[in-house]
């Protein structure tokens, strides 16, 4: 699917685009497309789920360790 996008560029952005097209030998459209790809890879096009560190890392142990008060009876003595 092709889409046309119009953008208003300030003088600094116009100069950067012109310099990149000359330096790389690319069309302005290709420079913009590659810039979008870089931004998407850096910021992530889709949000990633956060991983909880240590989740599922431990085997065994009581399943009610966090809720059963009997495990806290001798704590700190």
N, C-alpha and C. Protein backbone atom coordinates (compact mmCIF):
# COMPACT_ATOMS: atom_id res chain seq x y z
N UNK A 1 0.85 -1.17 0.00
CA UNK A 1 0.00 0.00 0.00
C UNK A 1 0.89 1.23 0.00
N UNK A 2 0.68 2.09 -0.95
CA UNK A 2 1.45 3.33 -1.03
C UNK A 2 0.62 4.46 -0.47
N UNK A 3 1.28 5.36 0.21
CA UNK A 3 0.61 6.52 0.77
C UNK A 3 1.47 7.75 0.52
N UNK A 4 0.81 8.85 0.30
CA UNK A 4 1.51 10.10 0.12
C UNK A 4 1.35 10.93 1.37
N UNK A 5 2.47 11.48 1.83
CA UNK A 5 2.47 12.29 3.04
C UNK A 5 3.09 13.64 2.70
N UNK A 6 2.46 14.69 3.17
CA UNK A 6 3.04 16.02 3.01
C UNK A 6 3.51 16.50 4.37
N UNK A 7 4.65 17.16 4.37
CA UNK A 7 5.18 17.68 5.62
C UNK A 7 5.77 19.06 5.39
N UNK A 8 5.57 19.92 6.35
CA UNK A 8 6.19 21.24 6.30
C UNK A 8 7.50 21.16 7.07
N UNK A 9 8.59 21.50 6.39
CA UNK A 9 9.90 21.42 7.01
C UNK A 9 10.43 22.82 7.28
N UNK A 10 11.04 22.98 8.44
CA UNK A 10 11.71 24.25 8.72
C UNK A 10 13.02 24.27 7.93
N UNK A 11 13.71 25.38 7.97
CA UNK A 11 14.92 25.53 7.15
C UNK A 11 16.00 24.52 7.53
N UNK A 12 16.13 24.25 8.82
CA UNK A 12 17.14 23.29 9.29
C UNK A 12 16.84 21.89 8.77
N UNK A 13 15.57 21.49 8.81
CA UNK A 13 15.18 20.17 8.32
C UNK A 13 15.34 20.07 6.81
N UNK A 14 15.01 21.15 6.11
CA UNK A 14 15.20 21.17 4.65
C UNK A 14 16.67 21.01 4.30
N UNK A 15 17.53 21.70 5.02
CA UNK A 15 18.97 21.60 4.76
C UNK A 15 19.47 20.19 5.05
N UNK A 16 19.00 19.58 6.13
CA UNK A 16 19.41 18.22 6.47
C UNK A 16 18.95 17.24 5.40
N UNK A 17 17.72 17.39 4.93
CA UNK A 17 17.19 16.52 3.89
C UNK A 17 18.00 16.66 2.61
N UNK A 18 18.30 17.88 2.24
CA UNK A 18 19.08 18.15 1.02
C UNK A 18 20.48 17.55 1.14
N UNK A 19 21.11 17.71 2.31
CA UNK A 19 22.44 17.17 2.52
C UNK A 19 22.43 15.64 2.46
N UNK A 20 21.45 15.02 3.08
CA UNK A 20 21.36 13.56 3.06
C UNK A 20 21.11 13.01 1.67
N UNK A 21 20.27 13.69 0.89
CA UNK A 21 20.00 13.20 -0.47
C UNK A 21 21.27 13.28 -1.32
N UNK A 22 22.03 14.34 -1.14
CA UNK A 22 23.29 14.46 -1.90
C UNK A 22 24.32 13.43 -1.41
N UNK A 23 24.46 13.34 -0.11
CA UNK A 23 25.49 12.48 0.47
C UNK A 23 25.23 11.00 0.18
N UNK A 24 23.99 10.57 0.29
CA UNK A 24 23.65 9.17 0.11
C UNK A 24 23.25 8.81 -1.32
N UNK A 25 22.90 9.82 -2.09
CA UNK A 25 22.44 9.56 -3.45
C UNK A 25 21.03 8.98 -3.49
N UNK A 26 20.27 9.25 -2.47
CA UNK A 26 18.90 8.75 -2.36
C UNK A 26 17.92 9.86 -2.72
N UNK A 27 16.69 9.45 -3.00
CA UNK A 27 15.61 10.41 -3.21
C UNK A 27 15.16 10.93 -1.84
N UNK A 28 14.54 12.10 -1.81
CA UNK A 28 14.01 12.58 -0.53
C UNK A 28 13.02 11.59 0.10
N UNK A 29 12.23 10.93 -0.72
CA UNK A 29 11.27 9.95 -0.20
C UNK A 29 11.98 8.79 0.50
N UNK A 30 13.08 8.33 -0.09
CA UNK A 30 13.80 7.21 0.53
C UNK A 30 14.43 7.65 1.86
N UNK A 31 14.96 8.87 1.91
CA UNK A 31 15.54 9.37 3.16
C UNK A 31 14.47 9.39 4.25
N UNK A 32 13.28 9.88 3.91
CA UNK A 32 12.20 9.94 4.89
C UNK A 32 11.78 8.55 5.31
N UNK A 33 11.65 7.62 4.36
CA UNK A 33 11.26 6.24 4.69
C UNK A 33 12.27 5.58 5.62
N UNK A 34 13.55 5.75 5.31
CA UNK A 34 14.59 5.15 6.16
C UNK A 34 14.59 5.79 7.55
N UNK A 35 14.34 7.10 7.60
CA UNK A 35 14.24 7.77 8.90
C UNK A 35 13.09 7.22 9.73
N UNK A 36 11.97 6.97 9.09
CA UNK A 36 10.82 6.39 9.79
C UNK A 36 11.13 4.99 10.30
N UNK A 37 11.82 4.21 9.47
CA UNK A 37 12.19 2.85 9.90
C UNK A 37 13.11 2.89 11.11
N UNK A 38 14.07 3.81 11.09
CA UNK A 38 14.98 3.93 12.23
C UNK A 38 14.24 4.33 13.50
N UNK A 39 13.33 5.29 13.37
CA UNK A 39 12.55 5.73 14.53
C UNK A 39 11.68 4.59 15.06
N UNK A 40 11.07 3.84 14.16
CA UNK A 40 10.20 2.73 14.57
C UNK A 40 11.01 1.64 15.27
N UNK A 41 12.22 1.36 14.78
CA UNK A 41 13.03 0.32 15.42
C UNK A 41 13.56 0.79 16.77
N UNK A 42 13.81 2.08 16.90
CA UNK A 42 14.33 2.60 18.16
C UNK A 42 13.25 2.72 19.22
N UNK A 43 12.12 3.28 18.85
CA UNK A 43 11.04 3.49 19.81
C UNK A 43 10.04 2.35 19.83
N UNK A 44 10.12 1.47 18.89
CA UNK A 44 9.21 0.33 18.83
C UNK A 44 7.88 0.72 18.23
N UNK A 45 7.57 0.11 17.12
CA UNK A 45 6.30 0.38 16.46
C UNK A 45 5.14 -0.14 17.29
N UNK A 46 5.38 -1.24 17.99
CA UNK A 46 4.36 -1.78 18.88
C UNK A 46 4.92 -1.80 20.29
N UNK A 47 4.15 -1.41 21.25
CA UNK A 47 4.66 -1.41 22.62
C UNK A 47 4.98 -2.82 23.10
N UNK A 48 6.10 -2.95 23.77
CA UNK A 48 6.49 -4.25 24.30
C UNK A 48 5.90 -4.44 25.69
N UNK A 49 5.60 -5.68 25.99
CA UNK A 49 5.15 -5.99 27.34
C UNK A 49 6.35 -6.01 28.25
N UNK A 50 6.19 -5.47 29.44
CA UNK A 50 7.29 -5.47 30.39
C UNK A 50 7.41 -6.85 31.03
N UNK A 51 8.62 -7.30 31.21
CA UNK A 51 8.87 -8.60 31.82
C UNK A 51 9.18 -8.39 33.30
N UNK A 52 8.57 -9.21 34.12
CA UNK A 52 8.84 -9.16 35.54
C UNK A 52 10.08 -10.00 35.81
N UNK A 53 11.12 -9.35 36.32
CA UNK A 53 12.38 -10.04 36.56
C UNK A 53 12.21 -11.07 37.67
N UNK A 54 12.68 -12.28 37.42
CA UNK A 54 12.62 -13.34 38.41
C UNK A 54 11.35 -14.17 38.35
N UNK A 55 10.39 -13.78 37.55
CA UNK A 55 9.14 -14.51 37.47
C UNK A 55 9.40 -15.89 36.87
N UNK A 56 9.05 -16.92 37.60
CA UNK A 56 9.23 -18.27 37.12
C UNK A 56 10.64 -18.79 37.23
N UNK A 57 11.50 -18.07 37.94
CA UNK A 57 12.90 -18.47 38.05
C UNK A 57 13.15 -19.48 39.16
N UNK A 58 12.24 -19.61 40.11
CA UNK A 58 12.46 -20.44 41.28
C UNK A 58 11.61 -21.70 41.22
N UNK A 59 12.23 -22.81 41.58
CA UNK A 59 11.50 -24.07 41.61
C UNK A 59 11.33 -24.50 43.07
N UNK A 60 10.20 -25.04 43.39
CA UNK A 60 9.95 -25.53 44.73
C UNK A 60 9.61 -24.40 45.70
N UNK A 61 9.59 -24.74 46.97
CA UNK A 61 9.23 -23.76 47.98
C UNK A 61 7.74 -23.76 48.22
N UNK A 62 7.33 -23.20 49.34
CA UNK A 62 5.90 -23.18 49.66
C UNK A 62 5.14 -22.23 48.75
N UNK A 63 3.98 -22.64 48.26
CA UNK A 63 3.22 -21.78 47.34
C UNK A 63 2.58 -20.59 48.05
N UNK A 64 2.46 -20.64 49.38
CA UNK A 64 1.80 -19.55 50.11
C UNK A 64 2.81 -18.73 50.92
N UNK A 65 4.04 -18.67 50.49
CA UNK A 65 5.10 -17.99 51.23
C UNK A 65 4.77 -16.52 51.49
N UNK A 66 4.17 -15.85 50.56
CA UNK A 66 3.89 -14.41 50.71
C UNK A 66 2.67 -14.13 51.56
N UNK A 67 1.80 -15.11 51.78
CA UNK A 67 0.54 -14.84 52.48
C UNK A 67 0.39 -15.55 53.81
N UNK A 68 1.17 -16.58 54.06
CA UNK A 68 1.01 -17.36 55.29
C UNK A 68 1.90 -16.79 56.39
N UNK A 69 1.31 -16.33 57.48
CA UNK A 69 2.04 -15.66 58.57
C UNK A 69 2.92 -16.60 59.37
N UNK A 70 2.71 -17.91 59.26
CA UNK A 70 3.54 -18.84 60.03
C UNK A 70 5.01 -18.77 59.61
N UNK A 71 5.28 -18.33 58.37
CA UNK A 71 6.64 -18.21 57.90
C UNK A 71 7.34 -16.98 58.49
N UNK A 72 6.60 -16.07 59.08
CA UNK A 72 7.17 -14.85 59.64
C UNK A 72 7.36 -14.91 61.16
N UNK A 73 6.98 -16.01 61.79
CA UNK A 73 7.01 -16.11 63.26
C UNK A 73 8.41 -15.87 63.84
N UNK A 74 9.43 -16.44 63.28
CA UNK A 74 10.79 -16.32 63.83
C UNK A 74 11.63 -15.28 63.06
N UNK A 75 11.03 -14.51 62.25
CA UNK A 75 11.76 -13.53 61.45
C UNK A 75 12.35 -12.45 62.35
N UNK A 76 13.63 -12.18 62.20
CA UNK A 76 14.28 -11.11 62.96
C UNK A 76 14.74 -11.49 64.34
N UNK A 77 14.65 -12.74 64.74
CA UNK A 77 15.09 -13.16 66.09
C UNK A 77 16.41 -13.86 66.04
